[in-house]
Protein backbone atom coordinates (compact mmCIF):
# COMPACT_ATOMS: atom_id res chain seq x y z
CA MET A 1 0.00 0.00 0.00
CA SER A 2 1.31 3.46 -0.87
CA LEU A 3 1.96 6.04 1.82
CA ILE A 4 -0.95 8.20 0.61
CA ALA A 5 -3.30 5.21 0.71
CA GLU A 6 -2.01 4.29 4.17
CA ILE A 7 -2.65 7.81 5.46
CA ARG A 8 -6.15 7.85 3.94
CA SER A 9 -6.93 4.52 5.60
CA LEU A 10 -6.40 5.91 9.10
CA PRO A 11 -9.64 6.10 11.12
CA ARG A 12 -11.59 9.38 11.22
CA LEU A 13 -11.25 9.68 14.99
CA SER A 14 -7.48 9.58 14.70
CA TRP A 15 -7.69 12.79 12.65
CA VAL A 16 -9.65 14.45 15.45
CA LEU A 17 -6.80 13.54 17.81
CA PHE A 18 -4.24 14.87 15.31
CA GLY A 19 -6.12 18.16 14.96
CA GLY A 20 -6.44 18.75 18.69
CA THR A 21 -2.78 17.93 19.18
CA LEU A 22 -1.78 20.38 16.44
CA ILE A 23 -3.66 23.21 18.16
CA ASN A 24 -2.18 22.35 21.55
CA ARG A 25 1.40 22.11 20.31
CA PHE A 26 1.19 25.36 18.35
CA GLY A 27 0.75 27.09 21.70
CA GLY A 28 3.36 25.02 23.52
CA PHE A 29 5.67 27.99 23.98
CA VAL A 30 6.27 27.90 27.70
CA LEU A 31 8.63 24.97 28.19
CA LEU A 32 10.76 26.05 25.26
CA PHE A 33 11.19 29.63 26.54
CA LEU A 34 11.08 28.88 30.26
CA VAL A 35 14.86 29.05 30.48
CA LEU A 36 14.83 32.57 29.01
CA PHE A 37 11.89 33.61 31.24
CA LEU A 38 13.87 32.55 34.32
CA LYS A 39 17.05 34.15 33.05
CA ALA A 40 15.17 37.44 32.53
CA GLN A 41 14.04 37.29 36.16
CA GLY A 42 17.67 37.12 37.28
CA TYR A 43 18.00 33.45 38.17
CA SER A 44 21.37 31.76 37.72
CA VAL A 45 22.12 28.91 35.33
CA ALA A 46 22.02 26.41 38.22
CA GLN A 47 18.72 27.77 39.56
CA THR A 48 17.23 27.65 36.08
CA GLY A 49 18.30 24.03 35.72
CA LEU A 50 16.64 23.22 39.04
CA VAL A 51 13.31 24.72 37.97
CA LEU A 52 13.45 22.94 34.62
CA ALA A 53 14.12 19.70 36.48
CA ALA A 54 10.88 20.26 38.40
CA TYR A 55 9.02 20.03 35.10
CA GLY A 56 10.67 16.68 34.49
CA ILE A 57 9.72 15.43 37.96
CA GLY A 58 6.12 16.34 37.20
CA GLY A 59 6.51 14.62 33.84
CA ILE A 60 7.60 11.36 35.46
CA ALA A 61 4.55 11.40 37.71
CA SER A 62 2.29 12.32 34.81
CA ALA A 63 3.52 9.41 32.70
CA LEU A 64 2.82 6.85 35.40
CA VAL A 65 -0.44 8.39 36.63
CA GLY A 66 -1.56 9.17 33.08
CA GLY A 67 -1.08 5.56 32.02
CA VAL A 68 -3.22 4.29 34.89
CA PHE A 69 -5.87 6.97 34.29
CA ALA A 70 -5.96 6.16 30.59
CA ASP A 71 -6.65 2.47 31.25
CA PHE A 72 -9.09 2.83 34.15
CA PHE A 73 -10.80 6.22 33.73
CA GLY A 74 -10.68 6.55 29.98
CA ARG A 75 -8.58 8.09 27.23
CA ARG A 76 -10.79 11.15 26.69
CA ASN A 77 -11.28 11.91 30.39
CA THR A 78 -7.52 11.89 30.93
CA ILE A 79 -6.89 14.23 27.99
CA VAL A 80 -9.59 16.64 29.19
CA LEU A 81 -8.24 16.66 32.76
CA SER A 82 -4.73 17.32 31.46
CA MET A 83 -5.69 20.21 29.19
CA PHE A 84 -7.94 22.10 31.58
CA SER A 85 -5.74 21.68 34.66
CA SER A 86 -2.59 22.72 32.80
CA ALA A 87 -4.36 25.85 31.53
CA VAL A 88 -5.04 26.89 35.13
CA VAL A 89 -1.41 26.38 36.15
CA LEU A 90 -0.16 28.29 33.10
CA MET A 91 -2.25 31.32 34.04
CA ILE A 92 -0.76 31.38 37.55
CA ILE A 93 2.98 31.00 36.87
CA PRO A 94 3.81 34.42 35.33
CA TYR A 95 2.33 36.19 38.33
CA MET A 96 4.37 34.26 40.91
CA SER A 97 7.87 35.03 42.15
CA GLY A 98 10.44 33.27 44.29
CA LEU A 99 12.34 30.10 43.47
CA PRO A 100 10.30 27.74 45.72
CA ALA A 101 6.98 28.87 44.20
CA LEU A 102 8.32 28.60 40.65
CA PHE A 103 9.76 25.15 41.40
CA ILE A 104 6.43 23.86 42.74
CA LEU A 105 4.34 25.39 39.95
CA THR A 106 6.68 24.20 37.22
CA GLY A 107 6.50 20.68 38.65
CA LEU A 108 2.72 20.95 38.72
CA LEU A 109 2.80 22.12 35.11
CA GLY A 110 4.87 19.06 34.15
CA LEU A 111 2.28 16.83 35.87
CA THR A 112 -0.78 18.43 34.28
CA ALA A 113 0.54 19.31 30.82
CA GLU A 114 2.04 15.87 30.17
CA LEU A 115 -0.77 13.80 31.72
CA TYR A 116 -2.48 13.41 28.34
CA ARG A 117 0.39 11.71 26.52
CA PRO A 118 -0.16 8.06 27.56
CA ALA A 119 -3.90 8.49 26.92
CA ALA A 120 -3.34 9.98 23.46
CA THR A 121 -0.87 7.30 22.37
CA ALA A 122 -3.02 4.50 23.85
CA LEU A 123 -6.06 5.90 22.04
CA LEU A 124 -4.14 6.02 18.77
CA THR A 125 -3.08 2.40 19.34
CA ASP A 126 -6.73 1.44 20.00
CA LEU A 127 -7.83 3.07 16.76
CA THR A 128 -5.22 1.51 14.46
CA GLN A 129 -3.97 -1.89 13.34
CA PRO A 130 -0.33 -2.96 13.87
CA HIS A 131 0.64 -2.35 10.24
CA GLN A 132 -0.77 1.20 10.42
CA ARG A 133 1.02 2.33 13.56
CA VAL A 134 4.32 3.65 12.21
CA THR A 135 2.32 5.80 9.79
CA ALA A 136 -0.23 6.78 12.46
CA PHE A 137 2.45 7.82 14.94
CA ALA A 138 4.28 9.67 12.17
CA VAL A 139 1.10 11.65 11.38
CA TYR A 140 0.66 12.27 15.11
CA ARG A 141 4.20 13.61 15.26
CA PHE A 142 3.53 15.59 12.08
CA ALA A 143 0.70 17.36 13.91
CA ILE A 144 2.94 17.99 16.92
CA ASN A 145 5.78 19.30 14.81
CA LEU A 146 3.65 21.39 12.48
CA GLY A 147 2.55 23.26 15.58
CA PHE A 148 6.13 23.20 16.83
CA ALA A 149 7.40 24.60 13.53
CA ILE A 150 5.17 27.66 13.75
CA GLY A 151 4.97 28.07 17.51
CA PRO A 152 8.60 28.80 18.50
CA ALA A 153 9.05 31.48 15.85
CA VAL A 154 5.84 33.18 17.02
CA GLY A 155 6.83 32.56 20.63
CA GLY A 156 10.21 34.21 20.13
CA LEU A 157 8.53 37.40 18.93
CA MET A 158 6.05 37.27 21.82
CA ALA A 159 8.86 36.72 24.35
CA GLU A 160 10.62 39.88 23.19
CA ARG A 161 7.46 41.84 24.08
CA SER A 162 6.26 40.03 27.21
CA PHE A 163 6.78 36.52 28.56
CA THR A 164 3.25 36.68 30.00
CA TYR A 165 1.85 36.41 26.46
CA LEU A 166 3.50 32.99 26.15
CA PHE A 167 1.69 31.62 29.18
CA ILE A 168 -1.67 33.01 28.06
CA GLY A 169 -1.27 31.59 24.54
CA ASP A 170 -0.30 28.16 25.84
CA ALA A 171 -3.31 28.14 28.20
CA VAL A 172 -5.75 29.11 25.43
CA THR A 173 -4.60 26.35 23.08
CA SER A 174 -4.77 23.80 25.93
CA VAL A 175 -8.40 24.73 26.58
CA ILE A 176 -9.21 24.39 22.87
CA PHE A 177 -7.76 20.87 22.77
CA GLY A 178 -9.71 20.02 25.91
CA LEU A 179 -12.95 21.16 24.28
CA VAL A 180 -12.19 19.16 21.13
CA ALA A 181 -11.67 16.07 23.30
CA VAL A 182 -14.95 16.62 25.16
CA VAL A 183 -16.93 16.94 21.95
CA ALA A 184 -15.31 14.45 19.60
CA LEU A 185 -13.05 11.82 21.22
CA PRO A 186 -14.21 8.46 22.61
CA ASN A 187 -13.62 7.59 26.25
CA LYS A 188 -12.35 4.04 25.86
CA VAL A 189 -11.78 2.22 29.15
CA VAL A 190 -10.24 -1.25 29.37
CA ASP A 191 -12.38 -4.12 30.64
CA HIS A 192 -11.79 -4.22 34.40
CA GLU A 193 -12.66 -7.93 34.42
CA VAL A 194 -9.72 -8.88 32.20
CA THR A 195 -7.10 -6.20 32.82
CA ARG A 196 -4.20 -6.85 35.16
CA GLY A 197 -4.28 -5.24 38.58
CA LYS A 198 -1.59 -2.87 39.83
CA ALA A 199 0.73 -5.46 41.39
CA GLU A 200 0.38 -7.92 38.53
CA ALA A 201 0.95 -5.17 35.95
CA ILE A 202 4.14 -4.04 37.69
CA ARG A 203 5.44 -7.61 37.82
CA PHE A 204 4.59 -8.11 34.15
CA ILE A 205 6.45 -4.96 33.05
CA LEU A 206 9.46 -5.74 35.25
CA ALA A 207 9.65 -9.21 33.70
CA ASP A 208 9.69 -7.74 30.18
CA ARG A 209 13.47 -7.27 29.99
CA PRO A 210 13.64 -6.09 26.35
CA PHE A 211 11.07 -3.39 27.13
CA LEU A 212 12.98 -2.32 30.25
CA TRP A 213 16.25 -2.02 28.35
CA PHE A 214 14.46 -0.06 25.64
CA THR A 215 13.09 2.28 28.30
CA VAL A 216 16.63 2.79 29.67
CA ALA A 217 17.86 3.66 26.17
CA SER A 218 14.92 6.03 25.70
CA THR A 219 15.79 7.76 28.98
CA MET A 220 19.31 8.33 27.74
CA CYS A 221 18.00 9.65 24.44
CA ALA A 222 15.68 12.00 26.33
CA PHE A 223 18.65 13.33 28.32
CA ILE A 224 20.35 14.25 25.05
CA PHE A 225 17.27 15.55 23.30
CA MET A 226 16.05 17.71 26.19
CA GLN A 227 19.22 19.79 25.94
CA HIS A 228 17.45 21.61 23.10
CA ASN A 229 15.40 23.64 25.59
CA SER A 230 18.04 24.01 28.31
CA SER A 231 21.76 24.05 27.52
CA PHE A 232 21.20 24.66 23.82
CA ALA A 233 19.32 27.88 24.62
CA PHE A 234 22.26 29.07 26.74
CA GLN A 235 24.76 28.06 24.07
CA VAL A 236 22.95 29.94 21.30
CA GLY A 237 22.77 33.03 23.52
CA ASP A 238 26.44 32.80 24.50
CA TYR A 239 27.38 32.55 20.84
CA GLY A 240 25.87 36.04 20.60
CA PHE A 241 22.44 35.32 19.13
CA SER A 242 19.00 36.62 20.20
CA PRO A 243 15.96 34.70 21.49
CA SER A 244 14.46 35.10 18.02
CA MET A 245 17.40 33.19 16.50
CA TYR A 246 16.99 30.44 19.09
CA GLY A 247 13.28 30.24 18.26
CA LEU A 248 14.09 30.12 14.55
CA LEU A 249 16.57 27.27 15.03
CA ILE A 250 14.00 25.24 16.94
CA SER A 251 11.41 26.05 14.28
CA ILE A 252 13.76 24.60 11.65
CA ASN A 253 13.48 21.31 13.50
CA GLY A 254 9.69 21.48 13.25
CA PHE A 255 9.67 22.50 9.60
CA ILE A 256 12.01 19.67 8.57
CA ILE A 257 9.84 17.14 10.37
CA THR A 258 6.69 18.61 8.89
CA LEU A 259 8.05 18.31 5.35
CA THR A 260 10.06 15.09 5.65
CA GLU A 261 8.91 12.69 8.35
CA LEU A 262 5.79 11.33 6.67
CA PRO A 263 7.53 10.58 3.34
CA LEU A 264 10.35 9.01 5.34
CA THR A 265 7.92 6.56 6.93
CA SER A 266 7.29 4.99 3.52
CA TRP A 267 10.82 3.63 3.97
CA THR A 268 11.06 3.16 7.74
CA ARG A 269 7.81 1.20 8.10
CA ARG A 270 9.21 -1.49 5.78
CA LYS A 271 12.52 -1.87 7.61
CA SER A 272 13.64 -3.55 10.80
CA PRO A 273 12.76 -1.29 13.74
CA ARG A 274 16.08 -2.16 15.33
CA ALA A 275 18.06 -0.94 12.33
CA VAL A 276 16.01 2.25 11.93
CA MET A 277 16.10 3.16 15.62
CA THR A 278 19.83 2.44 15.89
CA MET A 279 20.54 4.75 12.97
CA GLY A 280 18.27 7.45 14.36
CA TYR A 281 19.85 7.27 17.82
CA ALA A 282 23.32 7.67 16.31
CA PHE A 283 22.20 10.78 14.41
CA VAL A 284 20.86 12.34 17.64
CA ALA A 285 24.20 11.68 19.38
CA VAL A 286 26.27 13.17 16.56
CA GLY A 287 23.98 16.16 16.04
CA PHE A 288 24.11 17.31 19.64
CA GLY A 289 27.79 16.43 19.96
CA LEU A 290 28.66 18.85 17.15
CA VAL A 291 27.08 21.83 18.95
CA ALA A 292 30.43 22.35 20.71
CA TRP A 293 31.91 23.50 17.39
CA ALA A 294 28.85 25.33 16.02
CA HIS A 295 29.93 28.94 16.49
CA ALA A 296 28.15 30.30 13.40
CA VAL A 297 24.57 30.11 12.13
CA PRO A 298 25.28 27.66 9.25
CA MET A 299 26.89 25.17 11.63
CA LEU A 300 24.11 25.58 14.20
CA VAL A 301 21.59 24.87 11.45
CA THR A 302 23.61 21.80 10.44
CA THR A 303 23.52 20.39 13.96
CA VAL A 304 19.74 20.91 14.12
CA VAL A 305 19.31 19.15 10.77
CA ILE A 306 21.36 16.13 11.90
CA TRP A 307 19.57 15.57 15.21
CA THR A 308 16.23 16.25 13.54
CA PHE A 309 16.81 13.37 11.12
CA GLY A 310 17.75 11.23 14.10
CA GLU A 311 14.50 12.22 15.80
CA MET A 312 12.48 11.36 12.69
CA LEU A 313 14.07 7.94 12.42
CA PHE A 314 13.90 7.02 16.10
CA PHE A 315 10.69 8.33 17.66
CA PRO A 316 7.84 7.21 15.32
CA VAL A 317 9.28 3.70 15.08
CA ALA A 318 9.92 3.64 18.84
CA ALA A 319 6.29 4.58 19.56
CA ALA A 320 5.01 1.89 17.19
CA HIS A 321 7.44 -0.62 18.73
CA VAL A 322 6.04 0.08 22.21
CA ALA A 323 2.45 -0.04 20.91
CA ASN A 324 3.02 -3.43 19.33
CA SER A 325 4.85 -4.73 22.40
CA ALA A 326 2.06 -3.87 24.85
CA PRO A 327 -0.70 -6.32 25.80
CA ALA A 328 -4.10 -4.93 24.81
CA ASP A 329 -5.21 -4.44 28.42
CA MET A 330 -2.02 -2.57 29.38
CA ARG A 331 -1.54 -0.13 26.52
CA GLY A 332 -1.98 2.93 28.70
CA ARG A 333 0.43 1.64 31.32
CA TYR A 334 3.04 0.50 28.79
CA HIS A 335 2.94 3.88 27.08
CA GLY A 336 3.01 5.50 30.52
CA ALA A 337 6.06 3.50 31.57
CA TRP A 338 7.84 4.32 28.32
CA THR A 339 6.80 7.98 28.48
CA SER A 340 8.23 8.17 32.00
CA SER A 341 11.65 7.76 30.41
CA PHE A 342 11.20 11.21 28.89
CA GLY A 343 10.22 12.62 32.27
CA ILE A 344 13.34 11.13 33.84
CA GLY A 345 15.42 12.53 31.00
CA ALA A 346 13.75 15.89 31.48
CA VAL A 347 14.81 15.88 35.15
CA ILE A 348 18.39 14.85 34.52
CA ALA A 349 18.99 16.92 31.38
CA PRO A 350 18.70 20.46 32.77
CA VAL A 351 20.38 19.68 36.11
CA VAL A 352 23.36 17.81 34.68
CA GLY A 353 23.41 19.79 31.44
CA THR A 354 23.45 23.23 33.04
CA ALA A 355 25.98 22.08 35.67
CA LEU A 356 28.30 20.86 32.93
CA TYR A 357 27.65 23.99 30.91
CA GLY A 358 28.56 26.19 33.88
CA TRP A 359 31.82 24.24 34.22
CA ILE A 360 32.92 23.88 30.59
CA PRO A 361 30.24 24.49 27.92
CA ALA A 362 31.73 21.98 25.49
CA SER A 363 31.52 19.23 28.11
CA VAL A 364 27.72 19.12 27.72
CA TRP A 365 27.97 18.23 24.06
CA LEU A 366 30.76 15.69 24.56
CA THR A 367 28.62 14.04 27.25
CA CYS A 368 25.67 13.94 24.83
CA PHE A 369 27.82 12.15 22.28
CA VAL A 370 29.12 9.56 24.76
CA VAL A 371 25.66 8.91 26.25
CA GLY A 372 24.28 8.64 22.72
CA ALA A 373 26.90 6.09 21.72
CA VAL A 374 26.01 3.89 24.70
CA GLY A 375 22.27 4.26 24.02
CA THR A 376 22.77 3.36 20.36
CA TRP A 377 24.54 0.17 21.43
CA ILE A 378 21.73 -0.76 23.85
CA VAL A 379 19.10 -0.42 21.12
CA ALA A 380 21.25 -2.39 18.67
CA VAL A 381 21.68 -5.37 21.01
CA THR A 382 18.34 -5.50 22.85
CA VAL A 383 15.63 -4.76 20.27
CA ALA A 384 14.55 -7.89 18.42
CA PRO A 385 15.05 -7.96 14.64
CA GLY A 386 12.04 -8.13 12.40
CA ARG A 387 9.53 -5.85 10.79
CA ILE A 388 7.40 -3.34 12.67
CA GLU A 389 4.32 -4.80 10.99
CA ASP A 390 4.91 -8.04 12.90
CA PRO A 391 3.33 -7.29 16.30
CA VAL A 392 4.84 -8.78 19.41
CA ALA A 393 1.69 -8.50 21.45
CA GLN A 394 -2.00 -9.01 21.08
CA SER A 395 -3.82 -6.30 19.10
């Protein structure tokens, strides 16, 4: 089946999810510019890293809680709770001051804003067949990155006028996605008679060694990737460039994905997930490693292009791999467990990254390369060979 035919075959409800996600991610300015917001308030590099880590702590909790909520209280209900509660937190943050208050509120934002992710990915898994999932997750990421391509450039202009506008815009788009979910998305709940209970589910996941190793590798990848909204922002500024240039560089990432990722899936969905993810992981490691030498705009753009191609190769196939590995009654919790790796990475990345950056800036990027090399090896030796269309688990 051609890529166009595969896209057209996706269920109608999946397009509702894609549309709501696009709107939400267009307004996702705050996390990207939070480092600059804190810097403008006079906080040090180390203090900024601590506040950013709070978001990651909230993200870890959201992944685990969101997975349970998605399975037991429903996909739609979890998305709605996430969108409306995060909008409230976003409207409070710009009017608060003091490091403790900002730490607590940023952690709460990580919890509420990321709560929807396991529910959204579990819902997309529910709606699609195994052979459709690389394409479906690529379209899902297309929606995220189309918003991400436009949002940072707009956000950079808004930040130069007032950071408060960023928080308001993010809150408004969250509410819109919440309303879309209320009106149009189904609230699928797993059958409580057949699903595994909490203790049994934990034992099952802990016994799934390939999945656990993959989660470790994903955590390491998240550590590298999350430097784009922490140490990378500092590095671009210290090279002498404005917030608008930083926003433009991040927008390049979104534009490349928007234009390239879907066509790329016509190749990746026919290949071994292990080979594709290994290649993608290596690109992420090299792309961020080269930032140490990227003193001019052309080289900065080159680094963004390299790690963007790594992202496009790794993440859609990784999401489909997790979807196909999860038992049908544990999709929310599997996606939650995997998503928690990004929360853990989001905690470690700003704390370790900014500490290394404050010591020797180049050490951050060398660390990214070394961590990426180890993560690439883990994926290469622990992910089973085969095609992504061949599901591991029950569909």
